[in-house]
Amino acid sequence: MIRVLIADDHNVFVEGIESLISGSSEIEVTQRCYNVSSVVESLRSSPIDVILLDISFPHIDDGLGLCEQITRIHPKTKVIALTMHDDASLIKRVVKKGAKGYLLKNTTKTELLQAIRTVHDEKQYFNESIMQILLNDEPRSRKSSVGAGLKPNLTPRESEVLALIAQGLTTQQMAAQLFVSAKAVEFHRSSLLMKFGVPNTALLIKTAMEMHCID
């Protein structure tokens, strides 16, 4: 069972998110917190697998600080930012603070459950709309070079991961072959998606083949 904590200062929203999760047989809301101190106390008293954190809780700087604190003190607890803000700079700040996922508050039940499962499996979760926001914020030169069909500048490790993705290897298989953690593989996968300007692995392989980055 994946234990979830919802951290939001709006009671009605917390109840709404809990109702979306309640039908799942593998995910359970075990804590509901309406202020920063209650989140800290809850983490001290009971194990939590995933936190759905309103990044404006109660202010953005407080939410970012809490996110950083959680990931530093409780590294096994994964944070998903659940917010109304679709600003690229904020998304990047949240990721730098350690969040493993980013969802807007108009998310669907299917997407919410998928995000929880994904980060619990040590992966990052950013849907297509969030990836597009980040892509649109990339430097003009990078966007234009990808759009013009020029090869993105890949690190040696990214090239290795790209080749293994094209071979159909799983994250765990790639991690074992490269002697790195699954988390490292997912980091390089996310970086590849950003550099090629695509939202998923299928388009990554297609685009990389068209650019002759892989055979």
N, C-alpha and C. Protein backbone atom coordinates (compact mmCIF):
# COMPACT_ATOMS: atom_id res chain seq x y z
N MET A 1 0.84 -1.20 0.00
CA MET A 1 0.00 0.00 0.00
C MET A 1 0.88 1.26 0.00
N ILE A 2 0.60 2.16 -0.91
CA ILE A 2 1.32 3.43 -0.97
C ILE A 2 0.64 4.43 -0.05
N ARG A 3 1.37 4.90 0.97
CA ARG A 3 0.81 5.82 1.96
C ARG A 3 1.02 7.26 1.50
N VAL A 4 -0.07 8.00 1.41
CA VAL A 4 -0.05 9.36 0.86
C VAL A 4 -0.44 10.38 1.92
N LEU A 5 0.28 11.49 1.92
CA LEU A 5 -0.06 12.64 2.75
C LEU A 5 -0.46 13.79 1.83
N ILE A 6 -1.58 14.42 2.09
CA ILE A 6 -2.02 15.59 1.32
C ILE A 6 -1.74 16.83 2.15
N ALA A 7 -0.97 17.76 1.60
CA ALA A 7 -0.63 18.99 2.31
C ALA A 7 -1.18 20.19 1.54
N ASP A 8 -2.24 20.74 2.05
CA ASP A 8 -2.90 21.89 1.40
C ASP A 8 -3.70 22.63 2.47
N ASP A 9 -3.72 23.95 2.38
CA ASP A 9 -4.43 24.71 3.42
C ASP A 9 -5.90 24.95 3.09
N HIS A 10 -6.41 24.27 2.07
CA HIS A 10 -7.83 24.38 1.73
C HIS A 10 -8.51 23.03 1.98
N ASN A 11 -9.33 23.00 3.00
CA ASN A 11 -9.98 21.76 3.42
C ASN A 11 -10.77 21.11 2.30
N VAL A 12 -11.52 21.90 1.55
CA VAL A 12 -12.37 21.36 0.48
C VAL A 12 -11.52 20.69 -0.58
N PHE A 13 -10.39 21.29 -0.91
CA PHE A 13 -9.52 20.69 -1.92
C PHE A 13 -8.94 19.37 -1.42
N VAL A 14 -8.52 19.34 -0.16
CA VAL A 14 -7.99 18.10 0.41
C VAL A 14 -9.02 16.99 0.33
N GLU A 15 -10.25 17.30 0.67
CA GLU A 15 -11.32 16.30 0.62
C GLU A 15 -11.55 15.83 -0.82
N GLY A 16 -11.45 16.76 -1.77
CA GLY A 16 -11.64 16.40 -3.16
C GLY A 16 -10.56 15.46 -3.67
N ILE A 17 -9.32 15.74 -3.33
CA ILE A 17 -8.21 14.88 -3.74
C ILE A 17 -8.34 13.52 -3.07
N GLU A 18 -8.71 13.52 -1.81
CA GLU A 18 -8.87 12.25 -1.10
C GLU A 18 -9.96 11.39 -1.73
N SER A 19 -11.03 12.03 -2.20
CA SER A 19 -12.11 11.27 -2.83
C SER A 19 -11.65 10.64 -4.14
N LEU A 20 -10.73 11.30 -4.86
CA LEU A 20 -10.20 10.74 -6.09
C LEU A 20 -9.36 9.49 -5.81
N ILE A 21 -8.66 9.51 -4.70
CA ILE A 21 -7.75 8.41 -4.36
C ILE A 21 -8.48 7.25 -3.68
N SER A 22 -9.59 7.55 -3.03
CA SER A 22 -10.25 6.59 -2.15
C SER A 22 -10.62 5.27 -2.83
N GLY A 23 -10.87 5.26 -4.13
CA GLY A 23 -11.26 4.03 -4.80
C GLY A 23 -10.11 3.11 -5.15
N SER A 24 -8.87 3.57 -4.91
CA SER A 24 -7.71 2.76 -5.28
C SER A 24 -7.43 1.70 -4.22
N SER A 25 -7.10 0.49 -4.67
CA SER A 25 -6.79 -0.60 -3.75
C SER A 25 -5.33 -0.59 -3.31
N GLU A 26 -4.49 0.23 -3.98
CA GLU A 26 -3.06 0.22 -3.67
C GLU A 26 -2.54 1.54 -3.13
N ILE A 27 -3.41 2.56 -3.07
CA ILE A 27 -3.00 3.88 -2.60
C ILE A 27 -3.98 4.33 -1.51
N GLU A 28 -3.44 4.82 -0.41
CA GLU A 28 -4.29 5.22 0.72
C GLU A 28 -3.82 6.56 1.28
N VAL A 29 -4.77 7.46 1.50
CA VAL A 29 -4.46 8.73 2.17
C VAL A 29 -4.42 8.46 3.67
N THR A 30 -3.24 8.57 4.26
CA THR A 30 -3.09 8.29 5.68
C THR A 30 -2.96 9.56 6.53
N GLN A 31 -2.63 10.69 5.89
CA GLN A 31 -2.48 11.95 6.62
C GLN A 31 -3.02 13.10 5.79
N ARG A 32 -3.63 14.06 6.49
CA ARG A 32 -4.11 15.30 5.87
C ARG A 32 -3.56 16.45 6.69
N CYS A 33 -2.82 17.34 6.06
CA CYS A 33 -2.17 18.42 6.79
C CYS A 33 -2.54 19.77 6.18
N TYR A 34 -2.82 20.73 7.06
CA TYR A 34 -3.29 22.04 6.61
C TYR A 34 -2.31 23.17 6.93
N ASN A 35 -1.15 22.82 7.48
CA ASN A 35 -0.10 23.81 7.71
C ASN A 35 1.25 23.11 7.73
N VAL A 36 2.30 23.90 7.64
CA VAL A 36 3.65 23.35 7.53
C VAL A 36 4.03 22.52 8.75
N SER A 37 3.74 23.03 9.94
CA SER A 37 4.14 22.33 11.16
C SER A 37 3.51 20.95 11.26
N SER A 38 2.27 20.81 10.81
CA SER A 38 1.61 19.51 10.89
C SER A 38 2.24 18.50 9.93
N VAL A 39 2.76 19.00 8.78
CA VAL A 39 3.46 18.11 7.85
C VAL A 39 4.73 17.58 8.51
N VAL A 40 5.48 18.47 9.12
CA VAL A 40 6.74 18.09 9.78
C VAL A 40 6.47 17.08 10.88
N GLU A 41 5.44 17.34 11.67
CA GLU A 41 5.10 16.43 12.78
C GLU A 41 4.63 15.08 12.26
N SER A 42 3.84 15.08 11.21
CA SER A 42 3.33 13.82 10.66
C SER A 42 4.47 12.94 10.15
N LEU A 43 5.45 13.55 9.53
CA LEU A 43 6.59 12.79 9.02
C LEU A 43 7.44 12.21 10.15
N ARG A 44 7.45 12.88 11.28
CA ARG A 44 8.19 12.37 12.43
C ARG A 44 7.48 11.18 13.06
N SER A 45 6.15 11.20 13.00
CA SER A 45 5.38 10.20 13.74
C SER A 45 5.01 8.96 12.95
N SER A 46 4.94 9.06 11.63
CA SER A 46 4.54 7.90 10.84
C SER A 46 5.16 7.95 9.45
N PRO A 47 5.45 6.78 8.87
CA PRO A 47 6.08 6.74 7.54
C PRO A 47 5.10 7.16 6.43
N ILE A 48 5.59 7.95 5.51
CA ILE A 48 4.80 8.43 4.37
C ILE A 48 5.59 8.12 3.11
N ASP A 49 4.93 7.59 2.10
CA ASP A 49 5.61 7.27 0.84
C ASP A 49 5.59 8.44 -0.14
N VAL A 50 4.44 9.10 -0.27
CA VAL A 50 4.29 10.19 -1.25
C VAL A 50 3.53 11.35 -0.61
N ILE A 51 4.02 12.56 -0.83
CA ILE A 51 3.34 13.76 -0.36
C ILE A 51 2.84 14.55 -1.56
N LEU A 52 1.56 14.87 -1.55
CA LEU A 52 0.98 15.78 -2.54
C LEU A 52 1.01 17.17 -1.91
N LEU A 53 1.92 18.00 -2.37
CA LEU A 53 2.20 19.27 -1.71
C LEU A 53 1.76 20.46 -2.54
N ASP A 54 0.87 21.26 -1.96
CA ASP A 54 0.53 22.54 -2.57
C ASP A 54 1.73 23.45 -2.38
N ILE A 55 2.39 23.82 -3.45
CA ILE A 55 3.64 24.55 -3.35
C ILE A 55 3.41 25.97 -2.81
N SER A 56 2.17 26.46 -2.83
CA SER A 56 1.85 27.77 -2.25
C SER A 56 1.32 27.58 -0.83
N PHE A 57 2.05 26.91 -0.02
CA PHE A 57 1.56 26.38 1.25
C PHE A 57 2.30 26.95 2.45
N PRO A 58 1.89 28.06 3.07
CA PRO A 58 0.83 28.96 2.61
C PRO A 58 1.34 29.98 1.58
N HIS A 59 2.67 30.08 1.47
CA HIS A 59 3.28 30.95 0.46
C HIS A 59 4.29 30.13 -0.34
N ILE A 60 4.63 30.57 -1.53
CA ILE A 60 5.51 29.79 -2.39
C ILE A 60 6.86 29.51 -1.72
N ASP A 61 7.45 30.51 -1.08
CA ASP A 61 8.74 30.29 -0.43
C ASP A 61 8.63 29.26 0.69
N ASP A 62 7.50 29.27 1.41
CA ASP A 62 7.28 28.28 2.46
C ASP A 62 7.16 26.89 1.85
N GLY A 63 6.42 26.79 0.74
CA GLY A 63 6.24 25.50 0.08
C GLY A 63 7.55 24.96 -0.45
N LEU A 64 8.36 25.82 -1.06
CA LEU A 64 9.66 25.40 -1.57
C LEU A 64 10.59 24.96 -0.44
N GLY A 65 10.56 25.71 0.64
CA GLY A 65 11.39 25.37 1.79
C GLY A 65 10.98 24.03 2.40
N LEU A 66 9.67 23.80 2.47
CA LEU A 66 9.17 22.54 3.00
C LEU A 66 9.56 21.39 2.10
N CYS A 67 9.44 21.58 0.80
CA CYS A 67 9.82 20.55 -0.16
C CYS A 67 11.29 20.16 0.02
N GLU A 68 12.15 21.15 0.14
CA GLU A 68 13.57 20.89 0.33
C GLU A 68 13.83 20.16 1.64
N GLN A 69 13.13 20.57 2.69
CA GLN A 69 13.30 19.94 4.00
C GLN A 69 12.88 18.48 3.97
N ILE A 70 11.75 18.22 3.32
CA ILE A 70 11.25 16.84 3.24
C ILE A 70 12.25 15.94 2.52
N THR A 71 12.71 16.38 1.35
CA THR A 71 13.59 15.54 0.55
C THR A 71 14.97 15.38 1.18
N ARG A 72 15.36 16.33 2.02
CA ARG A 72 16.67 16.24 2.69
C ARG A 72 16.60 15.34 3.92
N ILE A 73 15.56 15.49 4.73
CA ILE A 73 15.45 14.74 5.98
C ILE A 73 14.78 13.38 5.78
N HIS A 74 13.87 13.31 4.81
CA HIS A 74 13.13 12.06 4.57
C HIS A 74 13.28 11.67 3.10
N PRO A 75 14.47 11.23 2.70
CA PRO A 75 14.73 10.97 1.28
C PRO A 75 13.87 9.87 0.67
N LYS A 76 13.31 8.98 1.49
CA LYS A 76 12.46 7.92 0.96
C LYS A 76 11.04 8.41 0.66
N THR A 77 10.71 9.58 1.16
CA THR A 77 9.40 10.18 0.90
C THR A 77 9.47 11.02 -0.37
N LYS A 78 8.62 10.73 -1.33
CA LYS A 78 8.62 11.42 -2.61
C LYS A 78 7.59 12.55 -2.60
N VAL A 79 7.98 13.68 -3.17
CA VAL A 79 7.10 14.85 -3.20
C VAL A 79 6.59 15.10 -4.61
N ILE A 80 5.28 15.27 -4.73
CA ILE A 80 4.66 15.72 -5.97
C ILE A 80 4.06 17.10 -5.71
N ALA A 81 4.50 18.09 -6.43
CA ALA A 81 3.91 19.42 -6.31
C ALA A 81 2.53 19.40 -6.98
N LEU A 82 1.53 19.81 -6.25
CA LEU A 82 0.15 19.84 -6.76
C LEU A 82 -0.34 21.28 -6.59
N THR A 83 -0.40 22.02 -7.70
CA THR A 83 -0.58 23.46 -7.60
C THR A 83 -1.35 24.01 -8.79
N MET A 84 -1.72 25.27 -8.69
CA MET A 84 -2.40 25.96 -9.79
C MET A 84 -1.41 26.72 -10.67
N HIS A 85 -0.14 26.77 -10.27
CA HIS A 85 0.86 27.58 -10.98
C HIS A 85 1.49 26.80 -12.13
N ASP A 86 1.41 27.37 -13.34
CA ASP A 86 1.99 26.71 -14.51
C ASP A 86 3.16 27.52 -15.06
N ASP A 87 3.93 28.10 -14.16
CA ASP A 87 5.08 28.93 -14.53
C ASP A 87 6.34 28.06 -14.63
N ALA A 88 7.04 28.15 -15.75
CA ALA A 88 8.21 27.31 -15.98
C ALA A 88 9.30 27.52 -14.94
N SER A 89 9.53 28.77 -14.56
CA SER A 89 10.59 29.03 -13.58
C SER A 89 10.27 28.40 -12.23
N LEU A 90 8.99 28.39 -11.86
CA LEU A 90 8.59 27.77 -10.60
C LEU A 90 8.74 26.25 -10.68
N ILE A 91 8.36 25.68 -11.81
CA ILE A 91 8.50 24.23 -11.98
C ILE A 91 9.96 23.84 -11.80
N LYS A 92 10.87 24.60 -12.40
CA LYS A 92 12.30 24.31 -12.29
C LYS A 92 12.79 24.46 -10.86
N ARG A 93 12.29 25.46 -10.15
CA ARG A 93 12.69 25.66 -8.76
C ARG A 93 12.22 24.50 -7.89
N VAL A 94 11.01 24.04 -8.14
CA VAL A 94 10.47 22.92 -7.37
C VAL A 94 11.30 21.65 -7.60
N VAL A 95 11.67 21.41 -8.85
CA VAL A 95 12.48 20.23 -9.16
C VAL A 95 13.85 20.33 -8.47
N LYS A 96 14.44 21.52 -8.46
CA LYS A 96 15.73 21.71 -7.80
C LYS A 96 15.62 21.47 -6.30
N LYS A 97 14.44 21.70 -5.73
CA LYS A 97 14.24 21.47 -4.31
C LYS A 97 13.98 19.99 -4.00
N GLY A 98 13.86 19.16 -5.04
CA GLY A 98 13.75 17.73 -4.81
C GLY A 98 12.44 17.08 -5.17
N ALA A 99 11.47 17.84 -5.66
CA ALA A 99 10.18 17.24 -6.04
C ALA A 99 10.39 16.28 -7.21
N LYS A 100 9.66 15.17 -7.18
CA LYS A 100 9.77 14.15 -8.22
C LYS A 100 8.65 14.26 -9.26
N GLY A 101 7.66 15.10 -9.00
CA GLY A 101 6.57 15.27 -9.94
C GLY A 101 5.94 16.63 -9.80
N TYR A 102 5.19 17.03 -10.82
CA TYR A 102 4.53 18.34 -10.82
C TYR A 102 3.19 18.19 -11.52
N LEU A 103 2.12 18.48 -10.80
CA LEU A 103 0.77 18.39 -11.35
C LEU A 103 0.02 19.69 -11.12
N LEU A 104 -0.83 20.04 -12.06
CA LEU A 104 -1.73 21.17 -11.87
C LEU A 104 -2.99 20.69 -11.17
N LYS A 105 -3.68 21.58 -10.49
CA LYS A 105 -4.82 21.18 -9.67
C LYS A 105 -6.04 20.75 -10.49
N ASN A 106 -5.98 20.93 -11.79
CA ASN A 106 -7.08 20.44 -12.63
C ASN A 106 -6.80 19.04 -13.16
N THR A 107 -5.87 18.34 -12.52
CA THR A 107 -5.50 16.99 -12.95
C THR A 107 -6.67 16.02 -12.84
N THR A 108 -6.61 14.97 -13.63
CA THR A 108 -7.65 13.94 -13.59
C THR A 108 -7.29 12.86 -12.57
N LYS A 109 -8.25 12.05 -12.23
CA LYS A 109 -8.01 10.95 -11.30
C LYS A 109 -6.98 9.99 -11.85
N THR A 110 -7.11 9.64 -13.12
CA THR A 110 -6.18 8.70 -13.75
C THR A 110 -4.75 9.23 -13.69
N GLU A 111 -4.58 10.51 -14.01
CA GLU A 111 -3.25 11.10 -14.01
C GLU A 111 -2.68 11.18 -12.60
N LEU A 112 -3.52 11.53 -11.63
CA LEU A 112 -3.08 11.63 -10.24
C LEU A 112 -2.56 10.29 -9.74
N LEU A 113 -3.32 9.23 -9.97
CA LEU A 113 -2.91 7.90 -9.53
C LEU A 113 -1.64 7.45 -10.24
N GLN A 114 -1.55 7.77 -11.53
CA GLN A 114 -0.36 7.39 -12.29
C GLN A 114 0.87 8.12 -11.76
N ALA A 115 0.71 9.38 -11.42
CA ALA A 115 1.83 10.16 -10.89
C ALA A 115 2.31 9.58 -9.56
N ILE A 116 1.37 9.22 -8.69
CA ILE A 116 1.73 8.65 -7.39
C ILE A 116 2.49 7.35 -7.57
N ARG A 117 1.99 6.49 -8.43
CA ARG A 117 2.67 5.21 -8.68
C ARG A 117 4.05 5.42 -9.28
N THR A 118 4.15 6.38 -10.19
CA THR A 118 5.42 6.62 -10.89
C THR A 118 6.51 7.09 -9.94
N VAL A 119 6.22 8.09 -9.11
CA VAL A 119 7.25 8.60 -8.20
C VAL A 119 7.56 7.58 -7.11
N HIS A 120 6.57 6.79 -6.73
CA HIS A 120 6.82 5.74 -5.73
C HIS A 120 7.78 4.70 -6.28
N ASP A 121 7.80 4.53 -7.59
CA ASP A 121 8.71 3.59 -8.25
C ASP A 121 10.06 4.23 -8.58
N GLU A 122 10.37 5.34 -7.90
CA GLU A 122 11.67 6.01 -8.04
C GLU A 122 11.85 6.69 -9.40
N LYS A 123 10.75 7.10 -10.03
CA LYS A 123 10.82 7.80 -11.30
C LYS A 123 10.24 9.20 -11.15
N GLN A 124 10.50 10.05 -12.12
CA GLN A 124 9.91 11.39 -12.14
C GLN A 124 8.62 11.37 -12.95
N TYR A 125 7.71 12.29 -12.62
CA TYR A 125 6.46 12.37 -13.39
C TYR A 125 6.18 13.81 -13.77
N PHE A 126 6.21 14.05 -15.09
CA PHE A 126 5.82 15.34 -15.65
C PHE A 126 5.00 15.04 -16.90
N ASN A 127 3.75 15.46 -16.91
CA ASN A 127 2.91 15.13 -18.06
C ASN A 127 3.27 15.99 -19.27
N GLU A 128 2.57 15.76 -20.36
CA GLU A 128 2.91 16.42 -21.61
C GLU A 128 2.78 17.94 -21.52
N SER A 129 1.76 18.42 -20.81
CA SER A 129 1.56 19.87 -20.72
C SER A 129 2.69 20.53 -19.94
N ILE A 130 3.15 19.88 -18.87
CA ILE A 130 4.26 20.44 -18.09
C ILE A 130 5.54 20.41 -18.90
N MET A 131 5.78 19.31 -19.63
CA MET A 131 6.96 19.23 -20.47
C MET A 131 6.94 20.32 -21.55
N GLN A 132 5.75 20.63 -22.07
CA GLN A 132 5.64 21.65 -23.10
C GLN A 132 5.93 23.03 -22.52
N ILE A 133 5.48 23.28 -21.29
CA ILE A 133 5.77 24.54 -20.62
C ILE A 133 7.28 24.72 -20.46
N LEU A 134 7.95 23.66 -20.05
CA LEU A 134 9.40 23.71 -19.87
C LEU A 134 10.12 23.89 -21.21
N LEU A 135 9.62 23.20 -22.23
CA LEU A 135 10.23 23.31 -23.55
C LEU A 135 10.11 24.73 -24.08
N ASN A 136 8.95 25.34 -23.91
CA ASN A 136 8.73 26.70 -24.40
C ASN A 136 9.61 27.72 -23.69
N ASP A 137 10.12 27.33 -22.53
CA ASP A 137 10.96 28.23 -21.75
C ASP A 137 12.44 28.02 -22.04
N GLU A 138 12.75 27.00 -22.86
CA GLU A 138 14.14 26.74 -23.20
C GLU A 138 14.71 27.90 -24.01
N PRO A 139 16.02 28.10 -23.96
CA PRO A 139 16.64 29.17 -24.76
C PRO A 139 16.27 29.05 -26.23
N ARG A 140 16.07 30.17 -26.89
CA ARG A 140 15.64 30.20 -28.28
C ARG A 140 16.58 29.39 -29.18
N SER A 141 17.86 29.46 -28.90
CA SER A 141 18.82 28.76 -29.76
C SER A 141 18.62 27.26 -29.71
N ARG A 142 18.32 26.73 -28.50
CA ARG A 142 18.14 25.29 -28.40
C ARG A 142 16.87 24.87 -29.11
N LYS A 143 15.79 25.63 -28.93
CA LYS A 143 14.53 25.28 -29.58
C LYS A 143 14.66 25.34 -31.09
N SER A 144 15.35 26.39 -31.59
CA SER A 144 15.45 26.54 -33.03
C SER A 144 16.33 25.45 -33.64
N SER A 145 17.37 25.03 -32.91
CA SER A 145 18.24 23.99 -33.44
C SER A 145 17.52 22.66 -33.53
N VAL A 146 16.71 22.33 -32.51
CA VAL A 146 15.94 21.10 -32.55
C VAL A 146 14.90 21.18 -33.67
N GLY A 147 14.24 22.34 -33.76
CA GLY A 147 13.23 22.51 -34.80
C GLY A 147 13.82 22.43 -36.19
N ALA A 148 15.07 22.83 -36.34
CA ALA A 148 15.73 22.80 -37.65
C ALA A 148 16.33 21.44 -37.95
N GLY A 149 16.18 20.51 -37.03
CA GLY A 149 16.69 19.16 -37.26
C GLY A 149 18.15 18.98 -36.90
N LEU A 150 18.75 19.97 -36.19
CA LEU A 150 20.14 19.83 -35.79
C LEU A 150 20.22 18.93 -34.56
N LYS A 151 21.28 18.15 -34.50
CA LYS A 151 21.44 17.23 -33.37
C LYS A 151 21.67 17.99 -32.07
N PRO A 152 20.94 17.63 -30.99
CA PRO A 152 21.20 18.26 -29.70
C PRO A 152 22.55 17.80 -29.17
N ASN A 153 23.14 18.60 -28.32
CA ASN A 153 24.44 18.28 -27.74
C ASN A 153 24.25 17.34 -26.56
N LEU A 154 24.60 16.06 -26.74
CA LEU A 154 24.41 15.05 -25.70
C LEU A 154 25.72 14.75 -24.99
N THR A 155 25.61 14.44 -23.70
CA THR A 155 26.77 13.97 -22.97
C THR A 155 27.02 12.51 -23.34
N PRO A 156 28.21 11.99 -23.09
CA PRO A 156 28.47 10.57 -23.37
C PRO A 156 27.48 9.64 -22.68
N ARG A 157 27.13 9.94 -21.44
CA ARG A 157 26.19 9.09 -20.72
C ARG A 157 24.80 9.16 -21.34
N GLU A 158 24.38 10.36 -21.76
CA GLU A 158 23.08 10.49 -22.41
C GLU A 158 23.04 9.69 -23.70
N SER A 159 24.13 9.67 -24.43
CA SER A 159 24.20 8.89 -25.67
C SER A 159 24.06 7.40 -25.37
N GLU A 160 24.68 6.96 -24.29
CA GLU A 160 24.58 5.55 -23.89
C GLU A 160 23.16 5.19 -23.52
N VAL A 161 22.53 6.06 -22.72
CA VAL A 161 21.14 5.80 -22.30
C VAL A 161 20.21 5.81 -23.50
N LEU A 162 20.42 6.74 -24.42
CA LEU A 162 19.59 6.82 -25.62
C LEU A 162 19.69 5.52 -26.42
N ALA A 163 20.88 5.00 -26.58
CA ALA A 163 21.07 3.76 -27.34
C ALA A 163 20.36 2.59 -26.66
N LEU A 164 20.42 2.55 -25.34
CA LEU A 164 19.77 1.45 -24.61
C LEU A 164 18.25 1.58 -24.63
N ILE A 165 17.76 2.82 -24.59
CA ILE A 165 16.31 3.04 -24.72
C ILE A 165 15.83 2.50 -26.06
N ALA A 166 16.59 2.79 -27.10
CA ALA A 166 16.24 2.34 -28.45
C ALA A 166 16.23 0.82 -28.55
N GLN A 167 17.03 0.17 -27.71
CA GLN A 167 17.07 -1.30 -27.70
C GLN A 167 15.90 -1.90 -26.92
N GLY A 168 15.13 -1.04 -26.25
CA GLY A 168 13.96 -1.51 -25.52
C GLY A 168 14.25 -1.97 -24.11
N LEU A 169 15.40 -1.62 -23.55
CA LEU A 169 15.73 -2.02 -22.19
C LEU A 169 14.90 -1.24 -21.17
N THR A 170 14.59 -1.88 -20.06
CA THR A 170 13.88 -1.22 -18.97
C THR A 170 14.86 -0.36 -18.18
N THR A 171 14.32 0.47 -17.31
CA THR A 171 15.17 1.31 -16.46
C THR A 171 16.12 0.47 -15.63
N GLN A 172 15.60 -0.61 -15.03
CA GLN A 172 16.43 -1.47 -14.19
C GLN A 172 17.52 -2.15 -15.01
N GLN A 173 17.19 -2.58 -16.21
CA GLN A 173 18.18 -3.23 -17.07
C GLN A 173 19.28 -2.26 -17.47
N MET A 174 18.87 -1.02 -17.78
CA MET A 174 19.87 0.00 -18.15
C MET A 174 20.76 0.32 -16.96
N ALA A 175 20.16 0.43 -15.78
CA ALA A 175 20.94 0.73 -14.57
C ALA A 175 21.97 -0.36 -14.32
N ALA A 176 21.57 -1.62 -14.48
CA ALA A 176 22.49 -2.73 -14.26
C ALA A 176 23.62 -2.74 -15.28
N GLN A 177 23.29 -2.44 -16.52
CA GLN A 177 24.30 -2.47 -17.59
C GLN A 177 25.29 -1.32 -17.46
N LEU A 178 24.81 -0.17 -16.99
CA LEU A 178 25.67 1.01 -16.88
C LEU A 178 26.30 1.15 -15.50
N PHE A 179 25.92 0.26 -14.57
CA PHE A 179 26.42 0.29 -13.20
C PHE A 179 26.09 1.62 -12.50
N VAL A 180 24.85 2.07 -12.70
CA VAL A 180 24.36 3.28 -12.05
C VAL A 180 23.01 2.96 -11.42
N SER A 181 22.47 3.90 -10.68
CA SER A 181 21.17 3.70 -10.05
C SER A 181 20.04 3.92 -11.05
N ALA A 182 18.87 3.36 -10.74
CA ALA A 182 17.69 3.59 -11.58
C ALA A 182 17.35 5.07 -11.60
N LYS A 183 17.58 5.74 -10.48
CA LYS A 183 17.32 7.19 -10.39
C LYS A 183 18.18 7.96 -11.39
N ALA A 184 19.43 7.54 -11.53
CA ALA A 184 20.33 8.20 -12.48
C ALA A 184 19.85 8.00 -13.92
N VAL A 185 19.39 6.79 -14.21
CA VAL A 185 18.88 6.51 -15.55
C VAL A 185 17.68 7.40 -15.86
N GLU A 186 16.76 7.52 -14.90
CA GLU A 186 15.57 8.35 -15.10
C GLU A 186 15.95 9.82 -15.28
N PHE A 187 16.99 10.25 -14.58
CA PHE A 187 17.46 11.63 -14.74
C PHE A 187 17.91 11.87 -16.18
N HIS A 188 18.70 10.92 -16.71
CA HIS A 188 19.20 11.07 -18.08
C HIS A 188 18.06 10.95 -19.09
N ARG A 189 17.08 10.10 -18.80
CA ARG A 189 15.92 9.99 -19.69
C ARG A 189 15.17 11.32 -19.76
N SER A 190 14.95 11.94 -18.60
CA SER A 190 14.26 13.23 -18.56
C SER A 190 15.05 14.30 -19.31
N SER A 191 16.36 14.26 -19.15
CA SER A 191 17.22 15.22 -19.86
C SER A 191 17.12 15.03 -21.37
N LEU A 192 17.06 13.79 -21.81
CA LEU A 192 16.94 13.50 -23.25
C LEU A 192 15.61 14.02 -23.79
N LEU A 193 14.54 13.81 -23.04
CA LEU A 193 13.23 14.30 -23.47
C LEU A 193 13.25 15.82 -23.65
N MET A 194 13.92 16.50 -22.70
CA MET A 194 14.01 17.95 -22.78
C MET A 194 14.84 18.38 -23.98
N LYS A 195 15.99 17.74 -24.19
CA LYS A 195 16.89 18.16 -25.26
C LYS A 195 16.29 17.91 -26.65
N PHE A 196 15.52 16.83 -26.78
CA PHE A 196 14.90 16.54 -28.08
C PHE A 196 13.54 17.22 -28.22
N GLY A 197 13.04 17.80 -27.12
CA GLY A 197 11.78 18.52 -27.18
C GLY A 197 10.58 17.64 -27.42
N VAL A 198 10.57 16.45 -26.79
CA VAL A 198 9.48 15.50 -26.97
C VAL A 198 8.91 15.10 -25.61
N PRO A 199 7.64 14.67 -25.58
CA PRO A 199 6.99 14.38 -24.29
C PRO A 199 7.11 12.94 -23.81
N ASN A 200 7.51 12.00 -24.69
CA ASN A 200 7.54 10.61 -24.27
C ASN A 200 8.64 9.84 -25.00
N THR A 201 8.86 8.60 -24.53
CA THR A 201 9.95 7.79 -25.05
C THR A 201 9.76 7.42 -26.52
N ALA A 202 8.53 7.13 -26.91
CA ALA A 202 8.26 6.74 -28.29
C ALA A 202 8.69 7.84 -29.27
N LEU A 203 8.32 9.08 -28.96
CA LEU A 203 8.71 10.20 -29.82
C LEU A 203 10.21 10.49 -29.72
N LEU A 204 10.78 10.19 -28.55
CA LEU A 204 12.22 10.37 -28.38
C LEU A 204 12.97 9.47 -29.37
N ILE A 205 12.59 8.19 -29.42
CA ILE A 205 13.25 7.25 -30.33
C ILE A 205 13.05 7.66 -31.78
N LYS A 206 11.80 8.04 -32.12
CA LYS A 206 11.48 8.44 -33.49
C LYS A 206 12.31 9.66 -33.91
N THR A 207 12.34 10.68 -33.04
CA THR A 207 13.07 11.91 -33.35
C THR A 207 14.57 11.65 -33.44
N ALA A 208 15.08 10.83 -32.51
CA ALA A 208 16.52 10.54 -32.51
C ALA A 208 16.93 9.79 -33.77
N MET A 209 16.06 8.89 -34.25
CA MET A 209 16.36 8.16 -35.48
C MET A 209 16.33 9.09 -36.68
N GLU A 210 15.37 10.00 -36.71
CA GLU A 210 15.27 10.95 -37.82
C GLU A 210 16.50 11.88 -37.86
N MET A 211 17.07 12.17 -36.70
CA MET A 211 18.26 13.01 -36.63
C MET A 211 19.54 12.20 -36.74
N HIS A 212 19.40 10.87 -36.93
CA HIS A 212 20.53 9.98 -37.06
C HIS A 212 21.42 9.97 -35.80
N CYS A 213 20.76 10.14 -34.64
CA CYS A 213 21.47 10.03 -33.38
C CYS A 213 21.57 8.57 -32.93
N ILE A 214 20.69 7.74 -33.45
CA ILE A 214 20.75 6.29 -33.22
C ILE A 214 20.45 5.60 -34.55
N ASP A 215 20.86 4.36 -34.66
CA ASP A 215 20.63 3.60 -35.89
C ASP A 215 19.21 3.03 -35.91
